[in-house]
C-alpha atoms as a PDB file:
ATOM      1  CA  UNK A   1      11.973  -6.298  20.186  1.00  0.00           C
ATOM      2  CA  UNK A   2      14.085  -5.025  23.428  1.00  0.00           C
ATOM      3  CA  UNK A   3      13.358  -6.843  26.403  1.00  0.00           C
ATOM      4  CA  UNK A   4      10.561  -8.531  25.320  1.00  0.00           C
ATOM      5  CA  UNK A   5      11.798 -10.559  22.492  1.00  0.00           C
ATOM      6  CA  UNK A   6      11.410 -13.740  24.143  1.00  0.00           C
ATOM      7  CA  UNK A   7       8.549 -13.040  26.576  1.00  0.00           C
ATOM      8  CA  UNK A   8       5.454 -15.268  26.641  1.00  0.00           C
ATOM      9  CA  UNK A   9       1.720 -14.437  25.853  1.00  0.00           C
ATOM     10  CA  UNK A  10      -1.599 -15.494  27.321  1.00  0.00           C
ATOM     11  CA  UNK A  11      -3.764 -17.162  24.573  1.00  0.00           C
ATOM     12  CA  UNK A  12      -6.371 -15.177  25.218  1.00  0.00           C
ATOM     13  CA  UNK A  13      -4.322 -11.906  24.878  1.00  0.00           C
ATOM     14  CA  UNK A  14      -4.094 -12.636  21.237  1.00  0.00           C
ATOM     15  CA  UNK A  15      -7.766 -11.499  21.313  1.00  0.00           C
ATOM     16  CA  UNK A  16      -7.363  -8.610  23.640  1.00  0.00           C
ATOM     17  CA  UNK A  17      -4.562  -7.160  21.505  1.00  0.00           C
ATOM     18  CA  UNK A  18      -6.933  -7.346  18.512  1.00  0.00           C
ATOM     19  CA  UNK A  19      -9.696  -5.019  19.871  1.00  0.00           C
ATOM     20  CA  UNK A  20      -7.475  -2.914  22.274  1.00  0.00           C
ATOM     21  CA  UNK A  21      -8.703   0.821  21.758  1.00  0.00           C
ATOM     22  CA  UNK A  22      -6.409   2.505  24.470  1.00  0.00           C
ATOM     23  CA  UNK A  23      -8.944   1.765  27.341  1.00  0.00           C
ATOM     24  CA  UNK A  24      -7.558  -0.204  30.297  1.00  0.00           C
ATOM     25  CA  UNK A  25      -7.484  -0.854  34.238  1.00  0.00           C
ATOM     26  CA  UNK A  26      -5.291   1.890  34.997  1.00  0.00           C
ATOM     27  CA  UNK A  27      -2.815   4.519  33.009  1.00  0.00           C
ATOM     28  CA  UNK A  28      -0.078   2.090  33.785  1.00  0.00           C
ATOM     29  CA  UNK A  29      -1.746  -0.771  32.158  1.00  0.00           C
ATOM     30  CA  UNK A  30      -2.661   1.154  29.305  1.00  0.00           C
ATOM     31  CA  UNK A  31       0.653   2.351  28.361  1.00  0.00           C
ATOM     32  CA  UNK A  32       2.284  -1.157  28.705  1.00  0.00           C
ATOM     33  CA  UNK A  33      -0.410  -2.706  26.616  1.00  0.00           C
ATOM     34  CA  UNK A  34       0.068  -0.208  23.803  1.00  0.00           C
ATOM     35  CA  UNK A  35       3.486  -0.546  24.136  1.00  0.00           C
ATOM     36  CA  UNK A  36       3.374  -4.368  23.709  1.00  0.00           C
ATOM     37  CA  UNK A  37       1.230  -4.412  20.864  1.00  0.00           C
ATOM     38  CA  UNK A  38       3.242  -1.999  19.025  1.00  0.00           C
ATOM     39  CA  UNK A  39       6.569  -3.989  19.502  1.00  0.00           C
ATOM     40  CA  UNK A  40       4.628  -7.131  18.404  1.00  0.00           C
ATOM     41  CA  UNK A  41       3.387  -5.633  15.450  1.00  0.00           C
ATOM     42  CA  UNK A  42       7.022  -4.015  14.703  1.00  0.00           C
ATOM     43  CA  UNK A  43       9.353  -6.750  15.111  1.00  0.00           C
ATOM     44  CA  UNK A  44       7.031  -9.933  14.583  1.00  0.00           C
ATOM     45  CA  UNK A  45       8.813 -11.894  17.224  1.00  0.00           C
ATOM     46  CA  UNK A  46       8.131 -15.643  17.959  1.00  0.00           C
ATOM     47  CA  UNK A  47       5.602 -15.711  20.765  1.00  0.00           C
ATOM     48  CA  UNK A  48       5.373 -18.531  23.204  1.00  0.00           C
ATOM     49  CA  UNK A  49       2.116 -18.996  24.537  1.00  0.00           C
ATOM     50  CA  UNK A  50       1.568 -19.410  28.421  1.00  0.00           C
ATOM     51  CA  UNK A  51      -1.321 -20.011  30.658  1.00  0.00           C
ATOM     52  CA  UNK A  52       0.674 -17.779  33.321  1.00  0.00           C
ATOM     53  CA  UNK A  53       1.255 -14.140  33.832  1.00  0.00           C
ATOM     54  CA  UNK A  54       2.730 -12.525  30.603  1.00  0.00           C
ATOM     55  CA  UNK A  55       4.082  -9.313  29.218  1.00  0.00           C
ATOM     56  CA  UNK A  56       0.388  -7.738  29.502  1.00  0.00           C
ATOM     57  CA  UNK A  57      -0.324  -8.814  32.933  1.00  0.00           C
ATOM     58  CA  UNK A  58       2.736  -7.011  34.407  1.00  0.00           C
ATOM     59  CA  UNK A  59       1.015  -3.901  34.656  1.00  0.00           C
ATOM     60  CA  UNK A  60      -2.611  -5.239  35.294  1.00  0.00           C
ATOM     61  CA  UNK A  61      -3.904  -4.363  38.737  1.00  0.00           C
ATOM     62  CA  UNK A  62      -5.480  -8.281  38.900  1.00  0.00           C
ATOM     63  CA  UNK A  63      -1.971  -9.297  38.955  1.00  0.00           C
ATOM     64  CA  UNK A  64      -1.155 -10.245  42.549  1.00  0.00           C
ATOM     65  CA  UNK A  65       2.117 -11.432  43.313  1.00  0.00           C
ATOM     66  CA  UNK A  66       2.562 -12.828  39.725  1.00  0.00           C
ATOM     67  CA  UNK A  67      -0.719 -14.611  39.712  1.00  0.00           C
ATOM     68  CA  UNK A  68      -3.953 -13.002  38.121  1.00  0.00           C
ATOM     69  CA  UNK A  69      -6.779 -12.897  40.986  1.00  0.00           C
ATOM     70  CA  UNK A  70      -9.326 -13.818  38.375  1.00  0.00           C
ATOM     71  CA  UNK A  71      -7.139 -16.874  37.464  1.00  0.00           C
ATOM     72  CA  UNK A  72      -9.810 -19.490  36.923  1.00  0.00           C
ATOM     73  CA  UNK A  73     -11.819 -17.449  34.457  1.00  0.00           C
ATOM     74  CA  UNK A  74      -8.736 -16.094  32.427  1.00  0.00           C
ATOM     75  CA  UNK A  75      -7.495 -19.968  32.337  1.00  0.00           C
ATOM     76  CA  UNK A  76     -10.691 -20.687  30.990  1.00  0.00           C
ATOM     77  CA  UNK A  77     -10.499 -17.938  28.294  1.00  0.00           C
ATOM     78  CA  UNK A  78      -6.802 -19.648  27.325  1.00  0.00           C
ATOM     79  CA  UNK A  79      -7.783 -23.430  27.389  1.00  0.00           C
ATOM     80  CA  UNK A  80     -10.757 -22.123  25.176  1.00  0.00           C
ATOM     81  CA  UNK A  81      -8.202 -20.283  22.792  1.00  0.00           C
ATOM     82  CA  UNK A  82      -5.727 -22.985  22.816  1.00  0.00           C
ATOM     83  CA  UNK A  83      -8.479 -25.566  21.697  1.00  0.00           C
ATOM     84  CA  UNK A  84     -10.037 -23.275  18.995  1.00  0.00           C
ATOM     85  CA  UNK A  85      -6.507 -22.602  17.559  1.00  0.00           C
ATOM     86  CA  UNK A  86      -5.490 -26.424  17.638  1.00  0.00           C
ATOM     87  CA  UNK A  87      -2.291 -25.399  19.828  1.00  0.00           C
ATOM     88  CA  UNK A  88      -0.874 -26.161  23.434  1.00  0.00           C
ATOM     89  CA  UNK A  89       0.785 -24.329  26.361  1.00  0.00           C
ATOM     90  CA  UNK A  90       4.325 -23.473  25.277  1.00  0.00           C
ATOM     91  CA  UNK A  91       3.716 -23.850  21.660  1.00  0.00           C
ATOM     92  CA  UNK A  92       5.582 -20.779  19.692  1.00  0.00           C
ATOM     93  CA  UNK A  93       4.956 -19.246  16.345  1.00  0.00           C
ATOM     94  CA  UNK A  94       5.439 -15.804  14.925  1.00  0.00           C
ATOM     95  CA  UNK A  95       3.271 -13.049  16.326  1.00  0.00           C
ATOM     96  CA  UNK A  96       1.766 -12.517  12.970  1.00  0.00           C
ATOM     97  CA  UNK A  97       0.747 -16.127  12.381  1.00  0.00           C
ATOM     98  CA  UNK A  98      -0.764 -16.394  15.610  1.00  0.00           C
ATOM     99  CA  UNK A  99      -2.726 -13.003  15.315  1.00  0.00           C
ATOM    100  CA  UNK A 100      -3.947 -14.544  11.774  1.00  0.00           C
ATOM    101  CA  UNK A 101      -4.995 -17.729  13.186  1.00  0.00           C
ATOM    102  CA  UNK A 102      -7.140 -16.037  16.141  1.00  0.00           C
ATOM    103  CA  UNK A 103      -8.912 -13.602  13.511  1.00  0.00           C
ATOM    104  CA  UNK A 104      -9.825 -16.448  11.412  1.00  0.00           C
ATOM    105  CA  UNK A 105     -10.400 -19.456  13.744  1.00  0.00           C
ATOM    106  CA  UNK A 106     -12.249 -17.314  16.699  1.00  0.00           C
ATOM    107  CA  UNK A 107     -12.839 -13.683  15.625  1.00  0.00           C
ATOM    108  CA  UNK A 108     -14.158 -14.164  12.009  1.00  0.00           C
ATOM    109  CA  UNK A 109     -15.602 -17.317  12.878  1.00  0.00           C
ATOM    110  CA  UNK A 110     -18.126 -15.964  15.327  1.00  0.00           C
ATOM    111  CA  UNK A 111     -16.500 -17.681  18.378  1.00  0.00           C
ATOM    112  CA  UNK A 112     -15.461 -14.629  20.365  1.00  0.00           C
ATOM    113  CA  UNK A 113     -18.403 -14.808  22.550  1.00  0.00           C
ATOM    114  CA  UNK A 114     -18.011 -18.344  23.280  1.00  0.00           C
ATOM    115  CA  UNK A 115     -14.488 -17.442  24.433  1.00  0.00           C
ATOM    116  CA  UNK A 116     -14.624 -14.683  26.613  1.00  0.00           C
ATOM    117  CA  UNK A 117     -18.342 -13.308  26.503  1.00  0.00           C
ATOM    118  CA  UNK A 118     -18.569 -12.686  30.311  1.00  0.00           C
ATOM    119  CA  UNK A 119     -15.096 -10.468  30.396  1.00  0.00           C
ATOM    120  CA  UNK A 120     -15.866  -6.756  31.542  1.00  0.00           C
ATOM    121  CA  UNK A 121     -14.180  -5.438  28.483  1.00  0.00           C
ATOM    122  CA  UNK A 122     -16.338  -7.647  26.068  1.00  0.00           C
ATOM    123  CA  UNK A 123     -18.808  -4.545  25.283  1.00  0.00           C
ATOM    124  CA  UNK A 124     -15.769  -3.130  23.242  1.00  0.00           C
ATOM    125  CA  UNK A 125     -14.890  -6.296  21.600  1.00  0.00           C
ATOM    126  CA  UNK A 126     -18.132  -7.841  20.828  1.00  0.00           C
ATOM    127  CA  UNK A 127     -19.394  -4.946  18.722  1.00  0.00           C
END
């Protein structure tokens, strides 16, 4: 998976990658998100969960000097995802297993709104 092989991923980005449809904060963000998803799906790497900036954040305009300017909100999303999946920060598992767990325990279970219902992009994901 090239340079991203051992890169961390924020837990809530498990949900974002599921619903991403080519929209984003900027062209750089959208291109990066598309590349990240393609590589994760192609390589099925082991992903380490972090509540800090990750491979998706690196091109996000909310990333200010390595920290999200909406840190408290995204931290709340991350903690909710970890809780619902029964995982902890720095846990690692294959991408496909994490993606499946997020689908089953959050999305299919109808808990998406509980996690990130106040996200600006929820109008896409919550359909």
